[in-house]
C-alpha atoms as a PDB file:
ATOM      1  CA  MET A   1     -18.098  25.895  85.628  1.00  0.00           C
ATOM      2  CA  LYS A   2     -19.631  26.735  82.267  1.00  0.00           C
ATOM      3  CA  ALA A   3     -19.584  29.903  80.157  1.00  0.00           C
ATOM      4  CA  TYR A   4     -21.660  31.159  77.265  1.00  0.00           C
ATOM      5  CA  VAL A   5     -18.967  31.225  74.565  1.00  0.00           C
ATOM      6  CA  TYR A   6     -19.908  32.384  71.065  1.00  0.00           C
ATOM      7  CA  GLY A   7     -16.445  31.798  69.652  1.00  0.00           C
ATOM      8  CA  VAL A   8     -12.681  31.992  70.139  1.00  0.00           C
ATOM      9  CA  LEU A   9     -10.053  33.765  68.062  1.00  0.00           C
ATOM     10  CA  ASP A  10      -6.777  31.974  68.716  1.00  0.00           C
ATOM     11  CA  LEU A  11      -4.529  34.859  67.708  1.00  0.00           C
ATOM     12  CA  SER A  12      -5.171  38.587  67.355  1.00  0.00           C
ATOM     13  CA  THR A  13      -2.744  41.485  67.137  1.00  0.00           C
ATOM     14  CA  ILE A  14      -5.333  44.242  67.377  1.00  0.00           C
ATOM     15  CA  ASP A  15      -7.303  43.454  70.561  1.00  0.00           C
ATOM     16  CA  TYR A  16      -4.679  43.701  73.327  1.00  0.00           C
ATOM     17  CA  PRO A  17      -2.233  46.680  73.141  1.00  0.00           C
ATOM     18  CA  GLN A  18       1.253  45.608  72.119  1.00  0.00           C
ATOM     19  CA  LYS A  19       0.622  41.923  72.743  1.00  0.00           C
ATOM     20  CA  PRO A  20      -0.531  38.999  70.609  1.00  0.00           C
ATOM     21  CA  ALA A  21      -3.627  37.650  72.282  1.00  0.00           C
ATOM     22  CA  MET A  22      -6.332  35.033  72.232  1.00  0.00           C
ATOM     23  CA  VAL A  23      -9.813  36.571  72.212  1.00  0.00           C
ATOM     24  CA  ILE A  24     -12.758  34.781  73.804  1.00  0.00           C
ATOM     25  CA  PHE A  25     -16.186  36.064  72.811  1.00  0.00           C
ATOM     26  CA  VAL A  26     -18.915  35.496  75.384  1.00  0.00           C
ATOM     27  CA  ALA A  27     -22.603  35.789  74.513  1.00  0.00           C
ATOM     28  CA  GLY A  28     -25.209  38.002  76.164  1.00  0.00           C
ATOM     29  CA  CYS A  29     -25.495  41.802  76.518  1.00  0.00           C
ATOM     30  CA  PRO A  30     -27.939  44.223  78.154  1.00  0.00           C
ATOM     31  CA  PHE A  31     -27.454  46.775  75.325  1.00  0.00           C
ATOM     32  CA  ARG A  32     -28.689  46.810  71.758  1.00  0.00           C
ATOM     33  CA  CYS A  33     -26.251  49.317  70.258  1.00  0.00           C
ATOM     34  CA  PRO A  34     -27.105  50.151  66.625  1.00  0.00           C
ATOM     35  CA  MET A  35     -23.423  50.307  65.674  1.00  0.00           C
ATOM     36  CA  CYS A  36     -22.570  46.903  67.222  1.00  0.00           C
ATOM     37  CA  HIS A  37     -20.647  44.498  64.963  1.00  0.00           C
ATOM     38  CA  ASN A  38     -21.023  41.600  67.396  1.00  0.00           C
ATOM     39  CA  TRP A  39     -24.826  41.681  67.394  1.00  0.00           C
ATOM     40  CA  LYS A  40     -25.042  37.937  66.805  1.00  0.00           C
ATOM     41  CA  MET A  41     -23.666  37.535  70.308  1.00  0.00           C
ATOM     42  CA  LEU A  42     -26.338  39.569  72.063  1.00  0.00           C
ATOM     43  CA  GLU A  43     -28.472  36.611  73.067  1.00  0.00           C
ATOM     44  CA  THR A  44     -27.422  33.434  74.835  1.00  0.00           C
ATOM     45  CA  SER A  45     -28.525  29.905  73.934  1.00  0.00           C
ATOM     46  CA  PRO A  46     -27.932  26.479  75.522  1.00  0.00           C
ATOM     47  CA  ASP A  47     -25.707  25.364  72.640  1.00  0.00           C
ATOM     48  CA  GLN A  48     -23.188  28.101  73.553  1.00  0.00           C
ATOM     49  CA  GLU A  49     -22.475  26.641  77.008  1.00  0.00           C
ATOM     50  CA  VAL A  50     -18.891  25.477  77.242  1.00  0.00           C
ATOM     51  CA  GLU A  51     -16.987  23.994  80.161  1.00  0.00           C
ATOM     52  CA  LEU A  52     -14.188  26.316  81.242  1.00  0.00           C
ATOM     53  CA  SER A  53     -11.824  23.338  81.195  1.00  0.00           C
ATOM     54  CA  ARG A  54     -12.149  23.307  77.413  1.00  0.00           C
ATOM     55  CA  ILE A  55     -11.326  27.045  77.260  1.00  0.00           C
ATOM     56  CA  PHE A  56      -8.278  26.432  79.428  1.00  0.00           C
ATOM     57  CA  GLU A  57      -7.122  23.678  77.025  1.00  0.00           C
ATOM     58  CA  ARG A  58      -7.471  26.106  74.156  1.00  0.00           C
ATOM     59  CA  ILE A  59      -5.402  28.706  76.030  1.00  0.00           C
ATOM     60  CA  GLU A  60      -2.806  26.075  76.892  1.00  0.00           C
ATOM     61  CA  ASN A  61      -2.508  25.029  73.221  1.00  0.00           C
ATOM     62  CA  ALA A  62      -2.061  28.647  72.101  1.00  0.00           C
ATOM     63  CA  SER A  63       0.288  29.674  74.891  1.00  0.00           C
ATOM     64  CA  SER A  64       3.415  29.444  72.735  1.00  0.00           C
ATOM     65  CA  LEU A  65       1.949  32.047  70.320  1.00  0.00           C
ATOM     66  CA  ILE A  66       0.245  34.508  72.642  1.00  0.00           C
ATOM     67  CA  ASP A  67       1.190  36.809  75.508  1.00  0.00           C
ATOM     68  CA  ALA A  68      -2.338  37.665  76.628  1.00  0.00           C
ATOM     69  CA  VAL A  69      -5.984  36.582  76.778  1.00  0.00           C
ATOM     70  CA  LYS A  70      -8.825  39.059  76.183  1.00  0.00           C
ATOM     71  CA  VAL A  71     -12.503  38.360  76.881  1.00  0.00           C
ATOM     72  CA  SER A  72     -14.896  40.324  74.675  1.00  0.00           C
ATOM     73  CA  GLY A  73     -18.523  39.931  73.721  1.00  0.00           C
ATOM     74  CA  GLY A  74     -21.297  40.470  74.281  1.00  0.00           C
ATOM     75  CA  GLU A  75     -20.783  41.875  77.754  1.00  0.00           C
ATOM     76  CA  PRO A  76     -18.153  39.995  79.767  1.00  0.00           C
ATOM     77  CA  THR A  77     -19.031  41.521  83.170  1.00  0.00           C
ATOM     78  CA  LEU A  78     -22.315  39.634  83.109  1.00  0.00           C
ATOM     79  CA  TYR A  79     -20.136  36.696  84.244  1.00  0.00           C
ATOM     80  CA  PRO A  80     -17.657  37.919  86.918  1.00  0.00           C
ATOM     81  CA  ASP A  81     -17.069  34.404  88.269  1.00  0.00           C
ATOM     82  CA  VAL A  82     -16.087  33.192  84.818  1.00  0.00           C
ATOM     83  CA  LEU A  83     -13.708  36.099  84.350  1.00  0.00           C
ATOM     84  CA  LEU A  84     -12.105  35.493  87.691  1.00  0.00           C
ATOM     85  CA  GLU A  85     -11.463  31.849  86.812  1.00  0.00           C
ATOM     86  CA  ILE A  86      -9.898  32.788  83.478  1.00  0.00           C
ATOM     87  CA  ALA A  87      -7.801  35.510  85.133  1.00  0.00           C
ATOM     88  CA  ASN A  88      -6.423  33.034  87.689  1.00  0.00           C
ATOM     89  CA  PHE A  89      -5.624  30.504  84.977  1.00  0.00           C
ATOM     90  CA  CYS A  90      -3.792  33.175  82.956  1.00  0.00           C
ATOM     91  CA  LYS A  91      -1.771  34.152  85.970  1.00  0.00           C
ATOM     92  CA  LYS A  92      -0.628  30.586  86.436  1.00  0.00           C
ATOM     93  CA  LYS A  93       0.423  30.495  82.785  1.00  0.00           C
ATOM     94  CA  ASN A  94       2.200  33.883  82.997  1.00  0.00           C
ATOM     95  CA  LEU A  95      -0.230  35.428  80.500  1.00  0.00           C
ATOM     96  CA  SER A  96      -1.713  38.898  80.727  1.00  0.00           C
ATOM     97  CA  PHE A  97      -5.485  39.034  81.070  1.00  0.00           C
ATOM     98  CA  GLY A  98      -7.979  41.674  80.027  1.00  0.00           C
ATOM     99  CA  PHE A  99     -11.630  42.156  79.165  1.00  0.00           C
ATOM    100  CA  ASP A 100     -13.988  44.565  77.387  1.00  0.00           C
ATOM    101  CA  THR A 101     -16.928  46.200  79.104  1.00  0.00           C
ATOM    102  CA  ASN A 102     -19.647  48.759  78.434  1.00  0.00           C
ATOM    103  CA  GLY A 103     -19.455  49.793  82.097  1.00  0.00           C
ATOM    104  CA  PHE A 104     -23.107  49.163  82.862  1.00  0.00           C
ATOM    105  CA  LEU A 105     -22.487  46.746  85.729  1.00  0.00           C
ATOM    106  CA  PRO A 106     -20.139  48.638  88.124  1.00  0.00           C
ATOM    107  CA  GLU A 107     -20.542  46.208  91.011  1.00  0.00           C
ATOM    108  CA  ASN A 108     -19.427  43.321  88.800  1.00  0.00           C
ATOM    109  CA  ALA A 109     -16.526  45.353  87.460  1.00  0.00           C
ATOM    110  CA  LYS A 110     -15.501  46.136  91.025  1.00  0.00           C
ATOM    111  CA  GLN A 111     -14.951  42.420  91.656  1.00  0.00           C
ATOM    112  CA  LEU A 112     -12.597  42.233  88.696  1.00  0.00           C
ATOM    113  CA  VAL A 113     -10.262  45.219  89.109  1.00  0.00           C
ATOM    114  CA  ASN A 114      -6.762  44.264  90.149  1.00  0.00           C
ATOM    115  CA  LYS A 115      -7.473  40.758  88.817  1.00  0.00           C
ATOM    116  CA  ALA A 116      -7.238  42.008  85.211  1.00  0.00           C
ATOM    117  CA  ASP A 117      -4.114  43.591  83.763  1.00  0.00           C
ATOM    118  CA  LEU A 118      -6.263  45.524  81.232  1.00  0.00           C
ATOM    119  CA  ILE A 119      -9.869  46.745  81.299  1.00  0.00           C
ATOM    120  CA  SER A 120     -11.188  48.185  78.046  1.00  0.00           C
ATOM    121  CA  ILE A 121     -14.200  50.482  78.576  1.00  0.00           C
ATOM    122  CA  ASP A 122     -16.504  51.910  75.928  1.00  0.00           C
ATOM    123  CA  ILE A 123     -17.435  55.572  76.180  1.00  0.00           C
ATOM    124  CA  LYS A 124     -20.093  55.980  73.552  1.00  0.00           C
ATOM    125  CA  ALA A 125     -21.061  59.617  73.957  1.00  0.00           C
ATOM    126  CA  PRO A 126     -20.615  62.693  76.230  1.00  0.00           C
ATOM    127  CA  PHE A 127     -21.584  62.244  79.843  1.00  0.00           C
ATOM    128  CA  ASN A 128     -24.060  65.129  79.766  1.00  0.00           C
ATOM    129  CA  ASN A 129     -26.353  63.755  77.069  1.00  0.00           C
ATOM    130  CA  PRO A 130     -28.555  60.909  78.417  1.00  0.00           C
ATOM    131  CA  ASP A 131     -30.847  60.959  75.340  1.00  0.00           C
ATOM    132  CA  LEU A 132     -27.906  60.326  73.012  1.00  0.00           C
ATOM    133  CA  TYR A 133     -26.622  57.571  75.341  1.00  0.00           C
ATOM    134  CA  SER A 134     -30.027  55.868  75.209  1.00  0.00           C
ATOM    135  CA  LYS A 135     -29.983  56.062  71.430  1.00  0.00           C
ATOM    136  CA  LEU A 136     -26.440  54.680  71.099  1.00  0.00           C
ATOM    137  CA  CYS A 137     -27.068  51.886  73.613  1.00  0.00           C
ATOM    138  CA  GLY A 138     -30.447  50.920  72.178  1.00  0.00           C
ATOM    139  CA  ILE A 139     -32.185  50.961  75.562  1.00  0.00           C
ATOM    140  CA  SER A 140     -33.940  53.579  77.684  1.00  0.00           C
ATOM    141  CA  ASN A 141     -32.666  55.292  80.873  1.00  0.00           C
ATOM    142  CA  GLY A 142     -29.562  57.075  79.613  1.00  0.00           C
ATOM    143  CA  GLU A 143     -29.080  58.690  82.998  1.00  0.00           C
ATOM    144  CA  LYS A 144     -28.527  55.302  84.639  1.00  0.00           C
ATOM    145  CA  ILE A 145     -26.215  54.228  81.834  1.00  0.00           C
ATOM    146  CA  ILE A 146     -24.046  57.307  82.419  1.00  0.00           C
ATOM    147  CA  LYS A 147     -24.103  56.965  86.181  1.00  0.00           C
ATOM    148  CA  ASN A 148     -23.041  53.328  86.063  1.00  0.00           C
ATOM    149  CA  LEU A 149     -20.396  53.961  83.413  1.00  0.00           C
ATOM    150  CA  SER A 150     -18.878  56.775  85.507  1.00  0.00           C
ATOM    151  CA  LEU A 151     -18.748  54.474  88.581  1.00  0.00           C
ATOM    152  CA  THR A 152     -17.004  51.789  86.529  1.00  0.00           C
ATOM    153  CA  ILE A 153     -14.458  54.177  85.071  1.00  0.00           C
ATOM    154  CA  LYS A 154     -13.701  55.654  88.504  1.00  0.00           C
ATOM    155  CA  THR A 155     -13.228  52.195  89.973  1.00  0.00           C
ATOM    156  CA  VAL A 156     -10.807  51.181  87.206  1.00  0.00           C
ATOM    157  CA  LEU A 157      -8.866  54.446  87.416  1.00  0.00           C
ATOM    158  CA  GLU A 158      -8.386  53.872  91.133  1.00  0.00           C
ATOM    159  CA  SER A 159      -7.193  50.271  90.607  1.00  0.00           C
ATOM    160  CA  ASN A 160      -3.992  48.615  89.452  1.00  0.00           C
ATOM    161  CA  SER A 161      -5.544  47.602  86.177  1.00  0.00           C
ATOM    162  CA  TYR A 162      -4.680  49.432  82.975  1.00  0.00           C
ATOM    163  CA  ALA A 163      -7.616  51.632  81.907  1.00  0.00           C
ATOM    164  CA  ASP A 164      -8.066  51.322  78.154  1.00  0.00           C
ATOM    165  CA  LEU A 165     -10.805  53.871  77.480  1.00  0.00           C
ATOM    166  CA  ARG A 166     -12.153  54.263  73.959  1.00  0.00           C
ATOM    167  CA  THR A 167     -14.889  55.803  71.808  1.00  0.00           C
ATOM    168  CA  THR A 168     -16.053  54.597  68.436  1.00  0.00           C
ATOM    169  CA  VAL A 169     -16.634  57.762  66.356  1.00  0.00           C
ATOM    170  CA  ILE A 170     -19.798  57.383  64.297  1.00  0.00           C
ATOM    171  CA  PRO A 171     -20.521  59.972  61.578  1.00  0.00           C
ATOM    172  CA  THR A 172     -23.951  61.600  62.052  1.00  0.00           C
ATOM    173  CA  LEU A 173     -24.223  60.466  65.686  1.00  0.00           C
ATOM    174  CA  ASN A 174     -21.390  61.402  68.059  1.00  0.00           C
ATOM    175  CA  THR A 175     -19.094  63.743  66.060  1.00  0.00           C
ATOM    176  CA  GLU A 176     -19.776  67.109  67.732  1.00  0.00           C
ATOM    177  CA  GLU A 177     -16.553  68.702  69.013  1.00  0.00           C
ATOM    178  CA  ILE A 178     -18.275  69.711  72.248  1.00  0.00           C
ATOM    179  CA  TYR A 179     -18.944  66.030  72.999  1.00  0.00           C
ATOM    180  CA  TYR A 180     -15.227  65.335  73.202  1.00  0.00           C
ATOM    181  CA  GLU A 181     -14.571  68.399  75.325  1.00  0.00           C
ATOM    182  CA  ASN A 182     -17.079  66.983  77.795  1.00  0.00           C
ATOM    183  CA  ILE A 183     -15.512  63.519  77.733  1.00  0.00           C
ATOM    184  CA  GLY A 184     -12.106  64.987  78.448  1.00  0.00           C
ATOM    185  CA  ASN A 185     -13.401  67.111  81.324  1.00  0.00           C
ATOM    186  CA  VAL A 186     -15.244  64.208  82.948  1.00  0.00           C
ATOM    187  CA  LEU A 187     -12.253  61.897  82.667  1.00  0.00           C
ATOM    188  CA  ARG A 188     -10.141  64.550  84.371  1.00  0.00           C
ATOM    189  CA  ASP A 189     -12.690  64.731  87.184  1.00  0.00           C
ATOM    190  CA  LEU A 190     -12.714  60.940  87.565  1.00  0.00           C
ATOM    191  CA  GLY A 191      -8.922  60.781  88.081  1.00  0.00           C
ATOM    192  CA  TYR A 192      -7.646  60.006  84.586  1.00  0.00           C
ATOM    193  CA  ILE A 193      -4.678  62.382  84.598  1.00  0.00           C
ATOM    194  CA  SER A 194      -2.746  60.877  87.491  1.00  0.00           C
ATOM    195  CA  LYS A 195      -3.197  57.325  86.100  1.00  0.00           C
ATOM    196  CA  ALA A 196      -2.200  58.426  82.611  1.00  0.00           C
ATOM    197  CA  GLU A 197       0.937  60.091  84.002  1.00  0.00           C
ATOM    198  CA  LYS A 198       1.926  56.656  85.332  1.00  0.00           C
ATOM    199  CA  GLU A 199       1.266  55.239  81.816  1.00  0.00           C
ATOM    200  CA  GLU A 200      -1.576  53.133  83.201  1.00  0.00           C
ATOM    201  CA  ALA A 201      -4.408  54.746  81.225  1.00  0.00           C
ATOM    202  CA  SER A 202      -5.136  55.913  77.716  1.00  0.00           C
ATOM    203  CA  TYR A 203      -8.040  57.106  75.603  1.00  0.00           C
ATOM    204  CA  THR A 204      -8.522  55.928  72.005  1.00  0.00           C
ATOM    205  CA  LEU A 205     -10.822  57.299  69.289  1.00  0.00           C
ATOM    206  CA  GLN A 206     -11.532  54.549  66.796  1.00  0.00           C
ATOM    207  CA  GLN A 207     -12.967  54.216  63.359  1.00  0.00           C
ATOM    208  CA  PHE A 208     -16.501  53.025  62.758  1.00  0.00           C
ATOM    209  CA  GLU A 209     -16.975  50.617  59.883  1.00  0.00           C
ATOM    210  CA  PRO A 210     -20.571  50.609  58.595  1.00  0.00           C
ATOM    211  CA  ALA A 211     -20.442  47.140  57.115  1.00  0.00           C
ATOM    212  CA  GLY A 212     -21.735  44.615  59.587  1.00  0.00           C
ATOM    213  CA  ALA A 213     -23.454  47.086  61.919  1.00  0.00           C
ATOM    214  CA  PHE A 214     -26.580  45.987  63.778  1.00  0.00           C
ATOM    215  CA  SER A 215     -28.628  48.887  62.368  1.00  0.00           C
ATOM    216  CA  ASP A 216     -29.493  48.863  58.697  1.00  0.00           C
ATOM    217  CA  GLU A 217     -29.458  52.681  58.718  1.00  0.00           C
ATOM    218  CA  LEU A 218     -25.882  52.798  59.953  1.00  0.00           C
ATOM    219  CA  LYS A 219     -24.792  50.414  57.246  1.00  0.00           C
ATOM    220  CA  LYS A 220     -25.529  53.253  54.797  1.00  0.00           C
ATOM    221  CA  ILE A 221     -23.255  55.952  56.294  1.00  0.00           C
ATOM    222  CA  LYS A 222     -19.630  56.670  55.462  1.00  0.00           C
ATOM    223  CA  SER A 223     -16.799  55.218  57.500  1.00  0.00           C
ATOM    224  CA  THR A 224     -14.940  57.516  59.889  1.00  0.00           C
ATOM    225  CA  SER A 225     -12.054  59.483  58.343  1.00  0.00           C
ATOM    226  CA  VAL A 226      -8.649  59.916  59.967  1.00  0.00           C
ATOM    227  CA  GLU A 227      -9.085  63.703  59.660  1.00  0.00           C
ATOM    228  CA  LEU A 228     -12.224  63.596  61.777  1.00  0.00           C
ATOM    229  CA  LEU A 229     -10.574  61.416  64.427  1.00  0.00           C
ATOM    230  CA  ILE A 230      -7.650  63.871  64.685  1.00  0.00           C
ATOM    231  CA  ARG A 231      -9.922  66.900  64.959  1.00  0.00           C
ATOM    232  CA  LEU A 232     -11.995  65.371  67.757  1.00  0.00           C
ATOM    233  CA  ALA A 233      -8.920  63.949  69.561  1.00  0.00           C
ATOM    234  CA  LYS A 234      -7.547  67.451  69.891  1.00  0.00           C
ATOM    235  CA  LYS A 235     -10.705  68.562  71.691  1.00  0.00           C
ATOM    236  CA  VAL A 236     -10.348  65.965  74.430  1.00  0.00           C
ATOM    237  CA  ASN A 237      -7.302  67.768  75.813  1.00  0.00           C
ATOM    238  CA  ILE A 238      -5.901  64.965  77.990  1.00  0.00           C
ATOM    239  CA  PRO A 239      -2.587  63.062  77.788  1.00  0.00           C
ATOM    240  CA  ARG A 240      -2.116  59.668  76.113  1.00  0.00           C
ATOM    241  CA  VAL A 241      -4.736  59.992  73.340  1.00  0.00           C
ATOM    242  CA  TYR A 242      -4.531  57.419  70.553  1.00  0.00           C
ATOM    243  CA  LEU A 243      -6.273  56.733  67.236  1.00  0.00           C
ATOM    244  CA  ARG A 244      -7.334  53.444  65.703  1.00  0.00           C
ATOM    245  CA  HIS A 245      -7.990  53.456  61.970  1.00  0.00           C
ATOM    246  CA  LYS A 246      -7.370  50.911  59.234  1.00  0.00           C
ATOM    247  CA  SER A 247      -5.145  53.367  57.360  1.00  0.00           C
ATOM    248  CA  ILE A 248      -2.806  54.050  60.291  1.00  0.00           C
ATOM    249  CA  GLY A 249      -3.080  50.969  62.525  1.00  0.00           C
ATOM    250  CA  PHE A 250      -3.981  50.099  66.085  1.00  0.00           C
ATOM    251  CA  MET A 251      -3.583  52.665  68.890  1.00  0.00           C
ATOM    252  CA  LYS A 252      -1.307  55.235  67.206  1.00  0.00           C
ATOM    253  CA  PRO A 253      -0.368  58.212  69.404  1.00  0.00           C
ATOM    254  CA  ILE A 254      -2.004  61.406  68.135  1.00  0.00           C
ATOM    255  CA  GLU A 255       1.340  63.195  68.229  1.00  0.00           C
ATOM    256  CA  GLU A 256       2.841  60.793  65.647  1.00  0.00           C
ATOM    257  CA  ILE A 257       0.087  61.068  63.068  1.00  0.00           C
ATOM    258  CA  GLN A 258       0.541  63.160  59.970  1.00  0.00           C
ATOM    259  CA  VAL A 259      -2.449  63.666  57.640  1.00  0.00           C
END
């Protein structure tokens, strides 16, 4: 079996919570998000095709340094069969396995729950604003995006996989306090609280860095401040809320942060 692999990061300490991990970047994505930093991976090409056996060799060689493997992209759920093969290999090697997703392909995600230890899901905007969702995803039909995302989140919250939910806070685009009140309310309705109480779910607000963004317009805005992240995090009003910012680190509990 082959996979469209844009690149591999042999060791990362900021992609898998509390574990050093290898990160595999797959190419191809249905979205064209203006804030995307991985926009060079949006399209696939024949030269990106790699035999999975080569990826497994790479994991094997790094296994003494890592505790987990994370597949990012691009959109990993475009390739559920590839993810299942990697998940099975990781299990044999006693490594944790996780992947990132935009949630747009709920049926594919459904095949992968309980096979992944961690599923990281992007929540780009409030669930009641399809126009904003279309803008932030770079495609039309925001209502479908929201519907599919909600199905994916519900599926993951009902599974044995850890639900790593997160929003990149982008100044000028998704910083209204009411947006985060809506996100918190919808996550409650989807079953977040009971999973969070078992320490199997969390929600992270993370910094947006303008440099490297897909959109030239977004390259001109200011980076997200810690103060803004804290203010919005308080509006979510759910347990296990974290912040990610270069000045404080990766997934810091909101309760421990002092401005």
